Amino acid sequence: MSQPPAITVENRAGVLHAVMRDPPQNALGEALIETLAAVVDEFERGEAKVLVLSSAQPEFFATGAAVLGEPGVSFEQLADYRDRIRPPLERLSACRRPSIAAIECIMSRCESLCGCSWLR
């Protein structure tokens, strides 16, 4: 049985809607980072006017738990993780079309994607 996609994408009426579907909390691991980069590729070369990024997971948008939750993570490993996650986010930030992160979070401390031009 194959793994379900980490992100599903629908393009309708000029809106590219990408939904993160990596339970339980959309941990920003390799699969999600690579798929997010592919979504940004599609947005940059496509004709959608806006990108909406949301989560299928209740109460979680995304976490860095894929690396941060590992015991004994070194500074070098954290720097490598940062270097892998930043390019798609920086590309979103530099894009001339709007990107929206639809975030619902009930936690007192939650992470958010910094590359979005608008957060709900």
PDB file of N, CA and C in Angstrom:
ATOM      1  N   MET A   1       0.847  -1.173   0.000  1.00  0.00           N
ATOM      2  CA  MET A   1       0.000   0.000   0.000  1.00  0.00           C
ATOM      3  C   MET A   1       0.894   1.239   0.000  1.00  0.00           C
ATOM      4  N   SER A   2       0.610   2.184  -0.868  1.00  0.00           N
ATOM      5  CA  SER A   2       1.425   3.385  -0.939  1.00  0.00           C
ATOM      6  C   SER A   2       0.983   4.398   0.111  1.00  0.00           C
ATOM      7  N   GLN A   3       1.920   5.266   0.474  1.00  0.00           N
ATOM      8  CA  GLN A   3       1.645   6.322   1.439  1.00  0.00           C
ATOM      9  C   GLN A   3       0.746   7.378   0.798  1.00  0.00           C
ATOM     10  N   PRO A   4      -0.216   7.922   1.544  1.00  0.00           N
ATOM     11  CA  PRO A   4      -0.997   9.043   1.016  1.00  0.00           C
ATOM     12  C   PRO A   4      -0.080  10.256   0.883  1.00  0.00           C
ATOM     13  N   PRO A   5      -0.426  11.176  -0.011  1.00  0.00           N
ATOM     14  CA  PRO A   5       0.433  12.352  -0.187  1.00  0.00           C
ATOM     15  C   PRO A   5       0.486  13.209   1.073  1.00  0.00           C
ATOM     16  N   ALA A   6       1.649  13.803   1.316  1.00  0.00           N
ATOM     17  CA  ALA A   6       1.816  14.682   2.478  1.00  0.00           C
ATOM     18  C   ALA A   6       0.995  15.958   2.314  1.00  0.00           C
ATOM     19  N   ILE A   7       0.792  16.378   1.064  1.00  0.00           N
ATOM     20  CA  ILE A   7       0.005  17.571   0.752  1.00  0.00           C
ATOM     21  C   ILE A   7      -0.845  17.259  -0.475  1.00  0.00           C
ATOM     22  N   THR A   8      -2.127  17.573  -0.405  1.00  0.00           N
ATOM     23  CA  THR A   8      -2.976  17.470  -1.586  1.00  0.00           C
ATOM     24  C   THR A   8      -3.209  18.877  -2.130  1.00  0.00           C
ATOM     25  N   VAL A   9      -3.361  18.965  -3.442  1.00  0.00           N
ATOM     26  CA  VAL A   9      -3.480  20.274  -4.085  1.00  0.00           C
ATOM     27  C   VAL A   9      -4.703  20.284  -4.994  1.00  0.00           C
ATOM     28  N   GLU A  10      -5.460  21.365  -4.906  1.00  0.00           N
ATOM     29  CA  GLU A  10      -6.599  21.584  -5.785  1.00  0.00           C
ATOM     30  C   GLU A  10      -6.489  22.991  -6.359  1.00  0.00           C
ATOM     31  N   ASN A  11      -6.695  23.104  -7.652  1.00  0.00           N
ATOM     32  CA  ASN A  11      -6.637  24.406  -8.316  1.00  0.00           C
ATOM     33  C   ASN A  11      -8.025  24.693  -8.858  1.00  0.00           C
ATOM     34  N   ARG A  12      -8.681  25.712  -8.278  1.00  0.00           N
ATOM     35  CA  ARG A  12     -10.034  26.050  -8.692  1.00  0.00           C
ATOM     36  C   ARG A  12     -10.219  27.569  -8.718  1.00  0.00           C
ATOM     37  N   ALA A  13     -10.668  28.070  -9.838  1.00  0.00           N
ATOM     38  CA  ALA A  13     -11.014  29.487  -9.995  1.00  0.00           C
ATOM     39  C   ALA A  13      -9.877  30.412  -9.576  1.00  0.00           C
ATOM     40  N   GLY A  14      -8.653  30.076  -9.971  1.00  0.00           N
ATOM     41  CA  GLY A  14      -7.520  30.941  -9.689  1.00  0.00           C
ATOM     42  C   GLY A  14      -6.943  30.813  -8.296  1.00  0.00           C
ATOM     43  N   VAL A  15      -7.437  29.845  -7.519  1.00  0.00           N
ATOM     44  CA  VAL A  15      -6.936  29.626  -6.157  1.00  0.00           C
ATOM     45  C   VAL A  15      -6.298  28.240  -6.102  1.00  0.00           C
ATOM     46  N   LEU A  16      -5.023  28.200  -5.759  1.00  0.00           N
ATOM     47  CA  LEU A  16      -4.323  26.941  -5.541  1.00  0.00           C
ATOM     48  C   LEU A  16      -4.414  26.645  -4.054  1.00  0.00           C
ATOM     49  N   HIS A  17      -5.181  25.607  -3.690  1.00  0.00           N
ATOM     50  CA  HIS A  17      -5.378  25.271  -2.283  1.00  0.00           C
ATOM     51  C   HIS A  17      -4.585  24.011  -1.973  1.00  0.00           C
ATOM     52  N   ALA A  18      -3.592  24.140  -1.111  1.00  0.00           N
ATOM     53  CA  ALA A  18      -2.753  23.021  -0.689  1.00  0.00           C
ATOM     54  C   ALA A  18      -3.094  22.681   0.756  1.00  0.00           C
ATOM     55  N   VAL A  19      -3.397  21.405   0.990  1.00  0.00           N
ATOM     56  CA  VAL A  19      -3.788  20.954   2.329  1.00  0.00           C
ATOM     57  C   VAL A  19      -2.749  19.954   2.839  1.00  0.00           C
ATOM     58  N   MET A  20      -2.110  20.290   3.948  1.00  0.00           N
ATOM     59  CA  MET A  20      -1.138  19.383   4.566  1.00  0.00           C
ATOM     60  C   MET A  20      -1.905  18.250   5.245  1.00  0.00           C
ATOM     61  N   ARG A  21      -1.504  16.998   4.929  1.00  0.00           N
ATOM     62  CA  ARG A  21      -2.221  15.821   5.433  1.00  0.00           C
ATOM     63  C   ARG A  21      -1.231  14.792   5.968  1.00  0.00           C
ATOM     64  N   ASP A  22      -0.386  15.199   6.888  1.00  0.00           N
ATOM     65  CA  ASP A  22       0.622  14.295   7.428  1.00  0.00           C
ATOM     66  C   ASP A  22       0.403  14.144   8.929  1.00  0.00           C
ATOM     67  N   PRO A  23      -0.519  13.220   9.327  1.00  0.00           N
ATOM     68  CA  PRO A  23      -0.852  13.084  10.739  1.00  0.00           C
ATOM     69  C   PRO A  23       0.336  12.625  11.576  1.00  0.00           C
ATOM     70  N   PRO A  24       0.362  12.898  12.863  1.00  0.00           N
ATOM     71  CA  PRO A  24      -0.734  13.547  13.570  1.00  0.00           C
ATOM     72  C   PRO A  24      -0.630  15.066  13.609  1.00  0.00           C
ATOM     73  N   GLN A  25       0.554  15.666  13.330  1.00  0.00           N
ATOM     74  CA  GLN A  25       0.648  17.124  13.465  1.00  0.00           C
ATOM     75  C   GLN A  25       1.383  17.801  12.324  1.00  0.00           C
ATOM     76  N   ASN A  26       1.427  17.197  11.141  1.00  0.00           N
ATOM     77  CA  ASN A  26       2.125  17.798  10.000  1.00  0.00           C
ATOM     78  C   ASN A  26       3.562  18.167  10.363  1.00  0.00           C
ATOM     79  N   ALA A  27       4.288  17.208  10.905  1.00  0.00           N
ATOM     80  CA  ALA A  27       5.682  17.452  11.259  1.00  0.00           C
ATOM     81  C   ALA A  27       6.468  17.776   9.995  1.00  0.00           C
ATOM     82  N   LEU A  28       7.204  18.855  10.027  1.00  0.00           N
ATOM     83  CA  LEU A  28       7.932  19.324   8.847  1.00  0.00           C
ATOM     84  C   LEU A  28       9.183  18.477   8.605  1.00  0.00           C
ATOM     85  N   GLY A  29       8.948  17.224   8.247  1.00  0.00           N
ATOM     86  CA  GLY A  29      10.015  16.305   7.900  1.00  0.00           C
ATOM     87  C   GLY A  29      10.303  16.361   6.410  1.00  0.00           C
ATOM     88  N   GLU A  30      11.142  15.437   5.944  1.00  0.00           N
ATOM     89  CA  GLU A  30      11.580  15.441   4.546  1.00  0.00           C
ATOM     90  C   GLU A  30      10.420  15.394   3.555  1.00  0.00           C
ATOM     91  N   ALA A  31       9.452  14.500   3.780  1.00  0.00           N
ATOM     92  CA  ALA A  31       8.340  14.355   2.829  1.00  0.00           C
ATOM     93  C   ALA A  31       7.537  15.640   2.711  1.00  0.00           C
ATOM     94  N   LEU A  32       7.227  16.255   3.832  1.00  0.00           N
ATOM     95  CA  LEU A  32       6.423  17.480   3.801  1.00  0.00           C
ATOM     96  C   LEU A  32       7.215  18.639   3.202  1.00  0.00           C
ATOM     97  N   ILE A  33       8.493  18.747   3.524  1.00  0.00           N
ATOM     98  CA  ILE A  33       9.326  19.819   2.965  1.00  0.00           C
ATOM     99  C   ILE A  33       9.436  19.674   1.451  1.00  0.00           C
ATOM    100  N   GLU A  34       9.699  18.447   0.964  1.00  0.00           N
ATOM    101  CA  GLU A  34       9.818  18.228  -0.484  1.00  0.00           C
ATOM    102  C   GLU A  34       8.502  18.512  -1.192  1.00  0.00           C
ATOM    103  N   THR A  35       7.399  18.091  -0.600  1.00  0.00           N
ATOM    104  CA  THR A  35       6.093  18.323  -1.217  1.00  0.00           C
ATOM    105  C   THR A  35       5.745  19.801  -1.201  1.00  0.00           C
ATOM    106  N   LEU A  36       6.075  20.499  -0.131  1.00  0.00           N
ATOM    107  CA  LEU A  36       5.841  21.943  -0.077  1.00  0.00           C
ATOM    108  C   LEU A  36       6.636  22.654  -1.167  1.00  0.00           C
ATOM    109  N   ALA A  37       7.878  22.235  -1.389  1.00  0.00           N
ATOM    110  CA  ALA A  37       8.683  22.821  -2.465  1.00  0.00           C
ATOM    111  C   ALA A  37       8.013  22.593  -3.826  1.00  0.00           C
ATOM    112  N   ALA A  38       7.439  21.403  -4.037  1.00  0.00           N
ATOM    113  CA  ALA A  38       6.745  21.112  -5.301  1.00  0.00           C
ATOM    114  C   ALA A  38       5.492  21.972  -5.452  1.00  0.00           C
ATOM    115  N   VAL A  39       4.783  22.237  -4.346  1.00  0.00           N
ATOM    116  CA  VAL A  39       3.611  23.116  -4.390  1.00  0.00           C
ATOM    117  C   VAL A  39       4.034  24.530  -4.778  1.00  0.00           C
ATOM    118  N   VAL A  40       5.128  25.002  -4.207  1.00  0.00           N
ATOM    119  CA  VAL A  40       5.628  26.340  -4.548  1.00  0.00           C
ATOM    120  C   VAL A  40       6.030  26.378  -6.021  1.00  0.00           C
ATOM    121  N   ASP A  41       6.661  25.304  -6.532  1.00  0.00           N
ATOM    122  CA  ASP A  41       6.988  25.218  -7.963  1.00  0.00           C
ATOM    123  C   ASP A  41       5.731  25.392  -8.800  1.00  0.00           C
ATOM    124  N   GLU A  42       4.687  24.638  -8.450  1.00  0.00           N
ATOM    125  CA  GLU A  42       3.431  24.701  -9.205  1.00  0.00           C
ATOM    126  C   GLU A  42       2.826  26.102  -9.154  1.00  0.00           C
ATOM    127  N   PHE A  43       2.867  26.729  -7.990  1.00  0.00           N
ATOM    128  CA  PHE A  43       2.318  28.079  -7.838  1.00  0.00           C
ATOM    129  C   PHE A  43       3.100  29.084  -8.675  1.00  0.00           C
ATOM    130  N   GLU A  44       4.426  29.001  -8.635  1.00  0.00           N
ATOM    131  CA  GLU A  44       5.262  29.961  -9.367  1.00  0.00           C
ATOM    132  C   GLU A  44       5.083  29.850 -10.880  1.00  0.00           C
ATOM    133  N   ARG A  45       4.952  28.652 -11.406  1.00  0.00           N
ATOM    134  CA  ARG A  45       4.854  28.514 -12.859  1.00  0.00           C
ATOM    135  C   ARG A  45       3.410  28.443 -13.359  1.00  0.00           C
ATOM    136  N   GLY A  46       2.458  28.334 -12.439  1.00  0.00           N
ATOM    137  CA  GLY A  46       1.054  28.238 -12.815  1.00  0.00           C
ATOM    138  C   GLY A  46       0.390  29.597 -12.943  1.00  0.00           C
ATOM    139  N   GLU A  47      -0.904  29.551 -13.142  1.00  0.00           N
ATOM    140  CA  GLU A  47      -1.673  30.780 -13.336  1.00  0.00           C
ATOM    141  C   GLU A  47      -2.563  31.133 -12.155  1.00  0.00           C
ATOM    142  N   ALA A  48      -2.459  30.390 -11.065  1.00  0.00           N
ATOM    143  CA  ALA A  48      -3.275  30.696  -9.884  1.00  0.00           C
ATOM    144  C   ALA A  48      -2.929  32.081  -9.372  1.00  0.00           C
ATOM    145  N   LYS A  49      -3.924  32.780  -8.910  1.00  0.00           N
ATOM    146  CA  LYS A  49      -3.736  34.145  -8.393  1.00  0.00           C
ATOM    147  C   LYS A  49      -3.302  34.158  -6.935  1.00  0.00           C
ATOM    148  N   VAL A  50      -3.657  33.104  -6.198  1.00  0.00           N
ATOM    149  CA  VAL A  50      -3.351  33.040  -4.770  1.00  0.00           C
ATOM    150  C   VAL A  50      -3.109  31.585  -4.370  1.00  0.00           C
ATOM    151  N   LEU A  51      -2.264  31.391  -3.380  1.00  0.00           N
ATOM    152  CA  LEU A  51      -2.022  30.075  -2.793  1.00  0.00           C
ATOM    153  C   LEU A  51      -2.553  30.094  -1.366  1.00  0.00           C
ATOM    154  N   VAL A  52      -3.421  29.137  -1.048  1.00  0.00           N
ATOM    155  CA  VAL A  52      -3.916  28.971   0.319  1.00  0.00           C
ATOM    156  C   VAL A  52      -3.327  27.662   0.845  1.00  0.00           C
ATOM    157  N   LEU A  53      -2.637  27.742   1.965  1.00  0.00           N
ATOM    158  CA  LEU A  53      -2.041  26.570   2.598  1.00  0.00           C
ATOM    159  C   LEU A  53      -2.770  26.332   3.910  1.00  0.00           C
ATOM    160  N   SER A  54      -3.349  25.144   4.050  1.00  0.00           N
ATOM    161  CA  SER A  54      -4.086  24.838   5.273  1.00  0.00           C
ATOM    162  C   SER A  54      -3.735  23.427   5.742  1.00  0.00           C
ATOM    163  N   SER A  55      -4.326  23.048   6.858  1.00  0.00           N
ATOM    164  CA  SER A  55      -4.036  21.747   7.465  1.00  0.00           C
ATOM    165  C   SER A  55      -5.311  20.924   7.582  1.00  0.00           C
ATOM    166  N   ALA A  56      -5.192  19.633   7.315  1.00  0.00           N
ATOM    167  CA  ALA A  56      -6.310  18.718   7.528  1.00  0.00           C
ATOM    168  C   ALA A  56      -6.333  18.198   8.963  1.00  0.00           C
ATOM    169  N   GLN A  57      -5.303  18.528   9.734  1.00  0.00           N
ATOM    170  CA  GLN A  57      -5.195  18.038  11.112  1.00  0.00           C
ATOM    171  C   GLN A  57      -5.867  19.015  12.072  1.00  0.00           C
ATOM    172  N   PRO A  58      -6.818  18.547  12.845  1.00  0.00           N
ATOM    173  CA  PRO A  58      -7.460  19.442  13.811  1.00  0.00           C
ATOM    174  C   PRO A  58      -6.442  19.963  14.827  1.00  0.00           C
ATOM    175  N   GLU A  59      -6.478  21.242  15.076  1.00  0.00           N
ATOM    176  CA  GLU A  59      -5.683  21.916  16.097  1.00  0.00           C
ATOM    177  C   GLU A  59      -4.192  22.007  15.799  1.00  0.00           C
ATOM    178  N   PHE A  60      -3.737  21.543  14.638  1.00  0.00           N
ATOM    179  CA  PHE A  60      -2.331  21.662  14.273  1.00  0.00           C
ATOM    180  C   PHE A  60      -2.205  22.208  12.868  1.00  0.00           C
ATOM    181  N   PHE A  61      -1.344  23.191  12.689  1.00  0.00           N
ATOM    182  CA  PHE A  61      -0.996  23.644  11.341  1.00  0.00           C
ATOM    183  C   PHE A  61       0.220  22.843  10.890  1.00  0.00           C
ATOM    184  N   ALA A  62       1.341  23.055  11.537  1.00  0.00           N
ATOM    185  CA  ALA A  62       2.560  22.292  11.262  1.00  0.00           C
ATOM    186  C   ALA A  62       3.496  22.441  12.457  1.00  0.00           C
ATOM    187  N   THR A  63       4.358  21.453  12.627  1.00  0.00           N
ATOM    188  CA  THR A  63       5.341  21.522  13.705  1.00  0.00           C
ATOM    189  C   THR A  63       6.711  21.156  13.166  1.00  0.00           C
ATOM    190  N   GLY A  64       7.721  21.582  13.863  1.00  0.00           N
ATOM    191  CA  GLY A  64       9.082  21.189  13.538  1.00  0.00           C
ATOM    192  C   GLY A  64       9.481  19.941  14.310  1.00  0.00           C
ATOM    193  N   ALA A  65       8.481  19.202  14.776  1.00  0.00           N
ATOM    194  CA  ALA A  65       8.728  18.045  15.640  1.00  0.00           C
ATOM    195  C   ALA A  65       9.556  16.957  14.975  1.00  0.00           C
ATOM    196  N   ALA A  66       9.619  16.939  13.661  1.00  0.00           N
ATOM    197  CA  ALA A  66      10.393  15.902  12.969  1.00  0.00           C
ATOM    198  C   ALA A  66      11.854  15.943  13.391  1.00  0.00           C
ATOM    199  N   VAL A  67      12.366  17.098  13.706  1.00  0.00           N
ATOM    200  CA  VAL A  67      13.750  17.242  14.143  1.00  0.00           C
ATOM    201  C   VAL A  67      13.811  17.633  15.605  1.00  0.00           C
ATOM    202  N   LEU A  68      12.987  18.572  15.999  1.00  0.00           N
ATOM    203  CA  LEU A  68      13.070  19.114  17.350  1.00  0.00           C
ATOM    204  C   LEU A  68      12.706  18.096  18.414  1.00  0.00           C
ATOM    205  N   GLY A  69      11.908  17.090  18.070  1.00  0.00           N
ATOM    206  CA  GLY A  69      11.514  16.086  19.037  1.00  0.00           C
ATOM    207  C   GLY A  69      12.522  14.969  19.214  1.00  0.00           C
ATOM    208  N   GLU A  70      13.554  14.945  18.403  1.00  0.00           N
ATOM    209  CA  GLU A  70      14.565  13.893  18.484  1.00  0.00           C
ATOM    210  C   GLU A  70      15.524  14.183  19.638  1.00  0.00           C
ATOM    211  N   PRO A  71      15.792  13.194  20.479  1.00  0.00           N
ATOM    212  CA  PRO A  71      16.752  13.422  21.560  1.00  0.00           C
ATOM    213  C   PRO A  71      18.173  13.560  21.004  1.00  0.00           C
ATOM    214  N   GLY A  72      18.941  14.438  21.602  1.00  0.00           N
ATOM    215  CA  GLY A  72      20.340  14.589  21.221  1.00  0.00           C
ATOM    216  C   GLY A  72      20.573  15.258  19.884  1.00  0.00           C
ATOM    217  N   VAL A  73      19.651  16.094  19.422  1.00  0.00           N
ATOM    218  CA  VAL A  73      19.828  16.783  18.147  1.00  0.00           C
ATOM    219  C   VAL A  73      20.940  17.809  18.295  1.00  0.00           C
ATOM    220  N   SER A  74      21.904  17.750  17.389  1.00  0.00           N
ATOM    221  CA  SER A  74      23.038  18.675  17.457  1.00  0.00           C
ATOM    222  C   SER A  74      22.718  20.001  16.780  1.00  0.00           C
ATOM    223  N   PHE A  75      23.543  20.987  17.063  1.00  0.00           N
ATOM    224  CA  PHE A  75      23.406  22.287  16.421  1.00  0.00           C
ATOM    225  C   PHE A  75      23.505  22.143  14.906  1.00  0.00           C
ATOM    226  N   GLU A  76      24.422  21.304  14.434  1.00  0.00           N
ATOM    227  CA  GLU A  76      24.608  21.094  13.000  1.00  0.00           C
ATOM    228  C   GLU A  76      23.359  20.488  12.365  1.00  0.00           C
ATOM    229  N   GLN A  77      22.707  19.562  13.060  1.00  0.00           N
ATOM    230  CA  GLN A  77      21.476  18.964  12.545  1.00  0.00           C
ATOM    231  C   GLN A  77      20.353  19.995  12.477  1.00  0.00           C
ATOM    232  N   LEU A  78      20.270  20.852  13.489  1.00  0.00           N
ATOM    233  CA  LEU A  78      19.264  21.917  13.463  1.00  0.00           C
ATOM    234  C   LEU A  78      19.544  22.900  12.333  1.00  0.00           C
ATOM    235  N   ALA A  79      20.812  23.243  12.122  1.00  0.00           N
ATOM    236  CA  ALA A  79      21.170  24.160  11.039  1.00  0.00           C
ATOM    237  C   ALA A  79      20.856  23.532   9.680  1.00  0.00           C
ATOM    238  N   ASP A  80      21.112  22.246   9.525  1.00  0.00           N
ATOM    239  CA  ASP A  80      20.799  21.545   8.281  1.00  0.00           C
ATOM    240  C   ASP A  80      19.293  21.537   8.034  1.00  0.00           C
ATOM    241  N   TYR A  81      18.510  21.286   9.081  1.00  0.00           N
ATOM    242  CA  TYR A  81      17.049  21.310   8.987  1.00  0.00           C
ATOM    243  C   TYR A  81      16.573  22.703   8.569  1.00  0.00           C
ATOM    244  N   ARG A  82      17.113  23.725   9.204  1.00  0.00           N
ATOM    245  CA  ARG A  82      16.762  25.108   8.854  1.00  0.00           C
ATOM    246  C   ARG A  82      17.059  25.382   7.388  1.00  0.00           C
ATOM    247  N   ASP A  83      18.200  24.916   6.918  1.00  0.00           N
ATOM    248  CA  ASP A  83      18.591  25.151   5.524  1.00  0.00           C
ATOM    249  C   ASP A  83      17.698  24.411   4.539  1.00  0.00           C
ATOM    250  N   ARG A  84      17.088  23.298   4.955  1.00  0.00           N
ATOM    251  CA  ARG A  84      16.174  22.567   4.061  1.00  0.00           C
ATOM    252  C   ARG A  84      14.790  23.188   4.035  1.00  0.00           C
ATOM    253  N   ILE A  85      14.309  23.707   5.161  1.00  0.00           N
ATOM    254  CA  ILE A  85      12.947  24.246   5.228  1.00  0.00           C
ATOM    255  C   ILE A  85      12.861  25.672   4.684  1.00  0.00           C
ATOM    256  N   ARG A  86      13.936  26.432   4.751  1.00  0.00           N
ATOM    257  CA  ARG A  86      13.876  27.845   4.357  1.00  0.00           C
ATOM    258  C   ARG A  86      13.624  28.107   2.881  1.00  0.00           C
ATOM    259  N   PRO A  87      14.240  27.384   1.935  1.00  0.00           N
ATOM    260  CA  PRO A  87      14.054  27.748   0.522  1.00  0.00           C
ATOM    261  C   PRO A  87      12.599  27.829   0.052  1.00  0.00           C
ATOM    262  N   PRO A  88      11.727  26.827   0.323  1.00  0.00           N
ATOM    263  CA  PRO A  88      10.353  27.006  -0.157  1.00  0.00           C
ATOM    264  C   PRO A  88       9.635  28.165   0.527  1.00  0.00           C
ATOM    265  N   LEU A  89       9.939  28.400   1.811  1.00  0.00           N
ATOM    266  CA  LEU A  89       9.301  29.509   2.515  1.00  0.00           C
ATOM    267  C   LEU A  89       9.791  30.853   1.995  1.00  0.00           C
ATOM    268  N   GLU A  90      11.083  30.965   1.712  1.00  0.00           N
ATOM    269  CA  GLU A  90      11.623  32.210   1.156  1.00  0.00           C
ATOM    270  C   GLU A  90      11.074  32.470  -0.245  1.00  0.00           C
ATOM    271  N   ARG A  91      10.882  31.405  -1.025  1.00  0.00           N
ATOM    272  CA  ARG A  91      10.292  31.571  -2.354  1.00  0.00           C
ATOM    273  C   ARG A  91       8.859  32.073  -2.239  1.00  0.00           C
ATOM    274  N   LEU A  92       8.094  31.562  -1.283  1.00  0.00           N
ATOM    275  CA  LEU A  92       6.738  32.067  -1.069  1.00  0.00           C
ATOM    276  C   LEU A  92       6.764  33.531  -0.673  1.00  0.00           C
ATOM    277  N   SER A  93       7.678  33.880   0.190  1.00  0.00           N
ATOM    278  CA  SER A  93       7.791  35.259   0.652  1.00  0.00           C
ATOM    279  C   SER A  93       8.138  36.212  -0.483  1.00  0.00           C
ATOM    280  N   ALA A  94       8.964  35.767  -1.423  1.00  0.00           N
ATOM    281  CA  ALA A  94       9.400  36.618  -2.530  1.00  0.00           C
ATOM    282  C   ALA A  94       8.409  36.649  -3.692  1.00  0.00           C
ATOM    283  N   CYS A  95       7.460  35.724  -3.709  1.00  0.00           N
ATOM    284  CA  CYS A  95       6.509  35.638  -4.814  1.00  0.00           C
ATOM    285  C   CYS A  95       5.642  36.893  -4.860  1.00  0.00           C
ATOM    286  N   ARG A  96       5.353  37.372  -6.048  1.00  0.00           N
ATOM    287  CA  ARG A  96       4.559  38.596  -6.192  1.00  0.00           C
ATOM    288  C   ARG A  96       3.057  38.352  -6.060  1.00  0.00           C
ATOM    289  N   ARG A  97       2.658  37.105  -5.963  1.00  0.00           N
ATOM    290  CA  ARG A  97       1.250  36.776  -5.739  1.00  0.00           C
ATOM    291  C   ARG A  97       1.064  36.428  -4.274  1.00  0.00           C
ATOM    292  N   PRO A  98      -0.119  36.681  -3.731  1.00  0.00           N
ATOM    293  CA  PRO A  98      -0.320  36.423  -2.303  1.00  0.00           C
ATOM    294  C   PRO A  98      -0.379  34.943  -1.973  1.00  0.00           C
ATOM    295  N   SER A  99       0.121  34.629  -0.784  1.00  0.00           N
ATOM    296  CA  SER A  99      -0.015  33.298  -0.213  1.00  0.00           C
ATOM    297  C   SER A  99      -0.637  33.463   1.168  1.00  0.00           C
ATOM    298  N   ILE A 100      -1.527  32.562   1.499  1.00  0.00           N
ATOM    299  CA  ILE A 100      -2.271  32.652   2.759  1.00  0.00           C
ATOM    300  C   ILE A 100      -2.095  31.346   3.519  1.00  0.00           C
ATOM    301  N   ALA A 101      -1.737  31.448   4.782  1.00  0.00           N
ATOM    302  CA  ALA A 101      -1.704  30.276   5.649  1.00  0.00           C
ATOM    303  C   ALA A 101      -2.944  30.323   6.519  1.00  0.00           C
ATOM    304  N   ALA A 102      -3.839  29.372   6.345  1.00  0.00           N
ATOM    305  CA  ALA A 102      -5.064  29.305   7.135  1.00  0.00           C
ATOM    306  C   ALA A 102      -4.760  28.485   8.378  1.00  0.00           C
ATOM    307  N   ILE A 103      -4.496  29.181   9.495  1.00  0.00           N
ATOM    308  CA  ILE A 103      -4.034  28.536  10.715  1.00  0.00           C
ATOM    309  C   ILE A 103      -5.116  28.588  11.782  1.00  0.00           C
ATOM    310  N   GLU A 104      -5.426  27.424  12.336  1.00  0.00           N
ATOM    311  CA  GLU A 104      -6.298  27.341  13.497  1.00  0.00           C
ATOM    312  C   GLU A 104      -5.491  26.641  14.574  1.00  0.00           C
ATOM    313  N   CYS A 105      -5.268  27.329  15.689  1.00  0.00           N
ATOM    314  CA  CYS A 105      -4.416  26.764  16.724  1.00  0.00           C
ATOM    315  C   CYS A 105      -4.954  27.178  18.080  1.00  0.00           C
ATOM    316  N   ILE A 106      -5.141  26.212  18.950  1.00  0.00           N
ATOM    317  CA  ILE A 106      -5.651  26.533  20.284  1.00  0.00           C
ATOM    318  C   ILE A 106      -4.555  26.487  21.336  1.00  0.00           C
ATOM    319  N   MET A 107      -3.321  26.209  20.896  1.00  0.00           N
ATOM    320  CA  MET A 107      -2.215  26.131  21.843  1.00  0.00           C
ATOM    321  C   MET A 107      -1.704  27.534  22.164  1.00  0.00           C
ATOM    322  N   SER A 108      -1.122  27.703  23.332  1.00  0.00           N
ATOM    323  CA  SER A 108      -0.605  29.016  23.699  1.00  0.00           C
ATOM    324  C   SER A 108       0.678  29.343  22.941  1.00  0.00           C
ATOM    325  N   ARG A 109       1.406  28.318  22.504  1.00  0.00           N
ATOM    326  CA  ARG A 109       2.637  28.539  21.749  1.00  0.00           C
ATOM    327  C   ARG A 109       2.564  27.656  20.512  1.00  0.00           C
ATOM    328  N   CYS A 110       2.484  28.267  19.341  1.00  0.00           N
ATOM    329  CA  CYS A 110       2.430  27.450  18.136  1.00  0.00           C
ATOM    330  C   CYS A 110       3.339  28.047  17.078  1.00  0.00           C
ATOM    331  N   GLU A 111       3.792  27.192  16.168  1.00  0.00           N
ATOM    332  CA  GLU A 111       4.653  27.619  15.092  1.00  0.00           C
ATOM    333  C   GLU A 111       3.797  28.055  13.913  1.00  0.00           C
ATOM    334  N   SER A 112       4.329  28.937  13.061  1.00  0.00           N
ATOM    335  CA  SER A 112       3.631  29.309  11.851  1.00  0.00           C
ATOM    336  C   SER A 112       4.631  29.439  10.722  1.00  0.00           C
ATOM    337  N   LEU A 113       4.154  29.365   9.516  1.00  0.00           N
ATOM    338  CA  LEU A 113       5.020  29.529   8.357  1.00  0.00           C
ATOM    339  C   LEU A 113       5.297  31.014   8.155  1.00  0.00           C
ATOM    340  N   CYS A 114       6.554  31.363   8.092  1.00  0.00           N
ATOM    341  CA  CYS A 114       6.944  32.763   8.002  1.00  0.00           C
ATOM    342  C   CYS A 114       6.862  33.300   6.584  1.00  0.00           C
ATOM    343  N   GLY A 115       6.770  32.455   5.600  1.00  0.00           N
ATOM    344  CA  GLY A 115       6.814  32.918   4.212  1.00  0.00           C
ATOM    345  C   GLY A 115       5.512  33.445   3.681  1.00  0.00           C
ATOM    346  N   CYS A 116       4.442  33.327   4.429  1.00  0.00           N
ATOM    347  CA  CYS A 116       3.137  33.714   3.912  1.00  0.00           C
ATOM    348  C   CYS A 116       2.935  35.215   4.005  1.00  0.00           C
ATOM    349  N   SER A 117       2.224  35.753   3.018  1.00  0.00           N
ATOM    350  CA  SER A 117       1.979  37.182   3.018  1.00  0.00           C
ATOM    351  C   SER A 117       0.774  37.554   3.888  1.00  0.00           C
ATOM    352  N   TRP A 118       0.002  36.562   4.283  1.00  0.00           N
ATOM    353  CA  TRP A 118      -1.143  36.839   5.145  1.00  0.00           C
ATOM    354  C   TRP A 118      -1.461  35.606   5.956  1.00  0.00           C
ATOM    355  N   LEU A 119      -1.727  35.758   7.236  1.00  0.00           N
ATOM    356  CA  LEU A 119      -2.108  34.651   8.114  1.00  0.00           C
ATOM    357  C   LEU A 119      -3.506  34.908   8.622  1.00  0.00           C
ATOM    358  N   ARG A 120      -4.347  33.885   8.624  1.00  0.00           N
ATOM    359  CA  ARG A 120      -5.707  34.029   9.137  1.00  0.00           C
ATOM    360  C   ARG A 120      -5.747  33.441  10.523  1.00  0.00           C
TER     361      ARG A 120
END
